């Protein structure tokens, strides 16, 4: 089958369509806020870890959380 013909026959969602559908969800704003909060927390932890010249393994050991970083 021709590739262009195959692509035309498939229903391909673009990122724009996926996000447009997601915005319709009643809890969309909550999920966005929660995700942003998690990202900010992760960024703060990363910046502090780097400022302390710690590896991820050292941080995991410090907080008694086994790390599986490779």
N, C-alpha and C. Protein backbone atom coordinates (compact mmCIF):
# COMPACT_ATOMS: atom_id res chain seq x y z
N UNK A 1 0.85 -1.18 0.00
CA UNK A 1 0.00 0.00 0.00
C UNK A 1 0.89 1.24 0.00
N UNK A 2 0.51 2.22 -0.74
CA UNK A 2 1.23 3.48 -0.83
C UNK A 2 1.19 4.18 0.53
N UNK A 3 2.35 4.71 0.97
CA UNK A 3 2.45 5.36 2.29
C UNK A 3 1.50 6.54 2.42
N UNK A 4 1.45 7.39 1.41
CA UNK A 4 0.57 8.56 1.50
C UNK A 4 -0.90 8.14 1.54
N UNK A 5 -1.25 7.09 0.84
CA UNK A 5 -2.62 6.57 0.86
C UNK A 5 -2.94 6.00 2.25
N UNK A 6 -1.98 5.31 2.81
CA UNK A 6 -2.16 4.75 4.15
C UNK A 6 -2.37 5.86 5.18
N UNK A 7 -1.56 6.90 5.11
CA UNK A 7 -1.68 8.01 6.05
C UNK A 7 -3.02 8.72 5.91
N UNK A 8 -3.50 8.87 4.70
CA UNK A 8 -4.80 9.51 4.50
C UNK A 8 -5.94 8.66 5.03
N UNK A 9 -5.77 7.35 5.00
CA UNK A 9 -6.84 6.47 5.47
C UNK A 9 -6.86 6.35 7.00
N UNK A 10 -5.77 6.74 7.65
CA UNK A 10 -5.70 6.67 9.11
C UNK A 10 -6.28 7.93 9.73
N UNK A 11 -6.90 7.76 10.87
CA UNK A 11 -7.38 8.93 11.61
C UNK A 11 -6.26 9.35 12.54
N UNK A 12 -5.53 10.36 12.16
CA UNK A 12 -4.38 10.82 12.95
C UNK A 12 -4.78 12.09 13.68
N UNK A 13 -4.63 12.06 15.01
CA UNK A 13 -4.91 13.25 15.80
C UNK A 13 -3.65 14.08 15.91
N UNK A 14 -3.80 15.36 15.77
CA UNK A 14 -2.65 16.24 15.96
C UNK A 14 -2.61 16.65 17.43
N UNK A 15 -1.48 17.17 17.87
CA UNK A 15 -1.38 17.63 19.24
C UNK A 15 -2.43 18.70 19.51
N UNK A 16 -2.68 19.55 18.55
CA UNK A 16 -3.67 20.61 18.70
C UNK A 16 -5.03 20.00 19.04
N UNK A 17 -5.44 18.98 18.30
CA UNK A 17 -6.74 18.35 18.55
C UNK A 17 -6.79 17.69 19.92
N UNK A 18 -5.71 17.03 20.32
CA UNK A 18 -5.69 16.37 21.62
C UNK A 18 -5.84 17.39 22.73
N UNK A 19 -5.11 18.50 22.65
CA UNK A 19 -5.21 19.52 23.68
C UNK A 19 -6.56 20.21 23.66
N UNK A 20 -7.12 20.40 22.50
CA UNK A 20 -8.44 21.02 22.41
C UNK A 20 -9.48 20.13 23.10
N UNK A 21 -9.35 18.82 22.93
CA UNK A 21 -10.27 17.90 23.59
C UNK A 21 -10.02 17.90 25.10
N UNK A 22 -8.77 17.92 25.51
CA UNK A 22 -8.43 17.90 26.94
C UNK A 22 -8.97 19.13 27.65
N UNK A 23 -8.95 20.27 26.99
CA UNK A 23 -9.43 21.52 27.60
C UNK A 23 -10.92 21.46 27.92
N UNK A 24 -11.62 20.56 27.28
CA UNK A 24 -13.06 20.42 27.52
C UNK A 24 -13.36 19.66 28.81
N UNK A 25 -12.35 18.96 29.34
CA UNK A 25 -12.56 18.16 30.55
C UNK A 25 -12.83 19.09 31.73
N UNK A 26 -13.82 18.76 32.57
CA UNK A 26 -14.18 19.65 33.68
C UNK A 26 -13.04 19.90 34.67
N UNK A 27 -12.08 19.00 34.77
CA UNK A 27 -10.99 19.18 35.72
C UNK A 27 -9.68 19.58 35.04
N UNK A 28 -9.75 20.05 33.82
CA UNK A 28 -8.55 20.41 33.06
C UNK A 28 -7.69 21.42 33.81
N UNK A 29 -8.30 22.48 34.32
CA UNK A 29 -7.55 23.53 35.02
C UNK A 29 -6.87 22.96 36.27
N UNK A 30 -7.58 22.12 37.01
CA UNK A 30 -7.01 21.50 38.21
C UNK A 30 -5.79 20.67 37.83
N UNK A 31 -5.91 19.84 36.80
CA UNK A 31 -4.79 19.00 36.37
C UNK A 31 -3.60 19.84 35.94
N UNK A 32 -3.86 20.94 35.25
CA UNK A 32 -2.78 21.84 34.82
C UNK A 32 -2.07 22.44 36.02
N UNK A 33 -2.85 22.92 36.99
CA UNK A 33 -2.27 23.51 38.20
C UNK A 33 -1.45 22.49 38.97
N UNK A 34 -2.01 21.29 39.12
CA UNK A 34 -1.30 20.24 39.85
C UNK A 34 0.00 19.87 39.14
N UNK A 35 -0.04 19.76 37.84
CA UNK A 35 1.17 19.43 37.08
C UNK A 35 2.22 20.53 37.20
N UNK A 36 1.78 21.77 37.13
CA UNK A 36 2.71 22.89 37.25
C UNK A 36 3.36 22.91 38.63
N UNK A 37 2.58 22.61 39.66
CA UNK A 37 3.11 22.55 41.02
C UNK A 37 4.17 21.46 41.14
N UNK A 38 3.90 20.30 40.56
CA UNK A 38 4.87 19.20 40.60
C UNK A 38 6.15 19.55 39.84
N UNK A 39 6.00 20.22 38.71
CA UNK A 39 7.16 20.62 37.92
C UNK A 39 8.01 21.62 38.69
N UNK A 40 7.36 22.59 39.33
CA UNK A 40 8.10 23.59 40.12
C UNK A 40 8.83 22.93 41.29
N UNK A 41 8.18 21.97 41.95
CA UNK A 41 8.82 21.26 43.05
C UNK A 41 10.04 20.48 42.55
N UNK A 42 9.89 19.78 41.45
CA UNK A 42 11.00 19.01 40.89
C UNK A 42 12.16 19.92 40.51
N UNK A 43 11.83 21.07 39.93
CA UNK A 43 12.87 22.03 39.54
C UNK A 43 13.60 22.57 40.77
N UNK A 44 12.87 22.85 41.84
CA UNK A 44 13.47 23.35 43.07
C UNK A 44 14.40 22.30 43.69
N UNK A 45 13.95 21.06 43.72
CA UNK A 45 14.77 19.98 44.25
C UNK A 45 16.03 19.82 43.41
N UNK A 46 15.89 19.85 42.09
CA UNK A 46 17.04 19.73 41.20
C UNK A 46 18.05 20.85 41.44
N UNK A 47 17.55 22.08 41.49
CA UNK A 47 18.46 23.23 41.68
C UNK A 47 19.20 23.14 43.01
N UNK A 48 18.52 22.73 44.05
CA UNK A 48 19.17 22.60 45.37
C UNK A 48 20.18 21.45 45.36
N UNK A 49 19.82 20.35 44.71
CA UNK A 49 20.73 19.21 44.62
C UNK A 49 22.01 19.60 43.91
N UNK A 50 21.87 20.31 42.82
CA UNK A 50 23.04 20.76 42.05
C UNK A 50 23.86 21.76 42.86
N UNK A 51 23.18 22.66 43.56
CA UNK A 51 23.88 23.65 44.39
C UNK A 51 24.69 22.97 45.49
N UNK A 52 24.22 21.82 45.96
CA UNK A 52 24.92 21.07 46.99
C UNK A 52 25.93 20.07 46.40
N UNK A 53 26.08 20.09 45.08
CA UNK A 53 26.98 19.17 44.36
C UNK A 53 26.68 17.70 44.70
N UNK A 54 25.40 17.38 44.73
CA UNK A 54 24.99 16.01 45.05
C UNK A 54 24.53 15.30 43.79
N UNK A 55 24.80 13.99 43.75
CA UNK A 55 24.25 13.18 42.67
C UNK A 55 22.83 12.77 43.07
N UNK A 56 22.10 12.23 42.12
CA UNK A 56 20.75 11.76 42.43
C UNK A 56 20.81 10.60 43.43
N UNK A 57 21.83 9.77 43.28
CA UNK A 57 21.99 8.65 44.20
C UNK A 57 22.24 9.15 45.62
N UNK A 58 23.08 10.17 45.78
CA UNK A 58 23.36 10.73 47.10
C UNK A 58 22.09 11.32 47.73
N UNK A 59 21.32 12.02 46.92
CA UNK A 59 20.07 12.60 47.43
C UNK A 59 19.11 11.49 47.86
N UNK A 60 19.00 10.46 47.04
CA UNK A 60 18.12 9.34 47.37
C UNK A 60 18.54 8.68 48.67
N UNK A 61 19.85 8.53 48.85
CA UNK A 61 20.35 7.93 50.09
C UNK A 61 20.06 8.84 51.28
N UNK A 62 20.23 10.13 51.10
CA UNK A 62 19.99 11.10 52.16
C UNK A 62 18.55 11.05 52.65
N UNK A 63 17.63 10.89 51.74
CA UNK A 63 16.21 10.86 52.12
C UNK A 63 15.70 9.44 52.31
N UNK A 64 16.62 8.49 52.33
CA UNK A 64 16.29 7.07 52.53
C UNK A 64 15.31 6.56 51.49
N UNK A 65 15.58 6.87 50.24
CA UNK A 65 14.74 6.43 49.15
C UNK A 65 15.63 5.74 48.12
N UNK A 66 15.57 4.42 47.99
CA UNK A 66 16.43 3.74 47.03
C UNK A 66 16.22 4.29 45.62
N UNK A 67 17.31 4.64 44.98
CA UNK A 67 17.23 5.21 43.64
C UNK A 67 17.56 4.16 42.61
N UNK A 68 16.85 4.20 41.49
CA UNK A 68 17.15 3.29 40.39
C UNK A 68 17.54 4.11 39.18
N UNK A 69 18.40 5.09 39.38
CA UNK A 69 18.84 5.96 38.31
C UNK A 69 19.98 5.28 37.57
N UNK A 70 19.90 5.29 36.26
CA UNK A 70 21.00 4.69 35.49
C UNK A 70 21.58 5.69 34.53
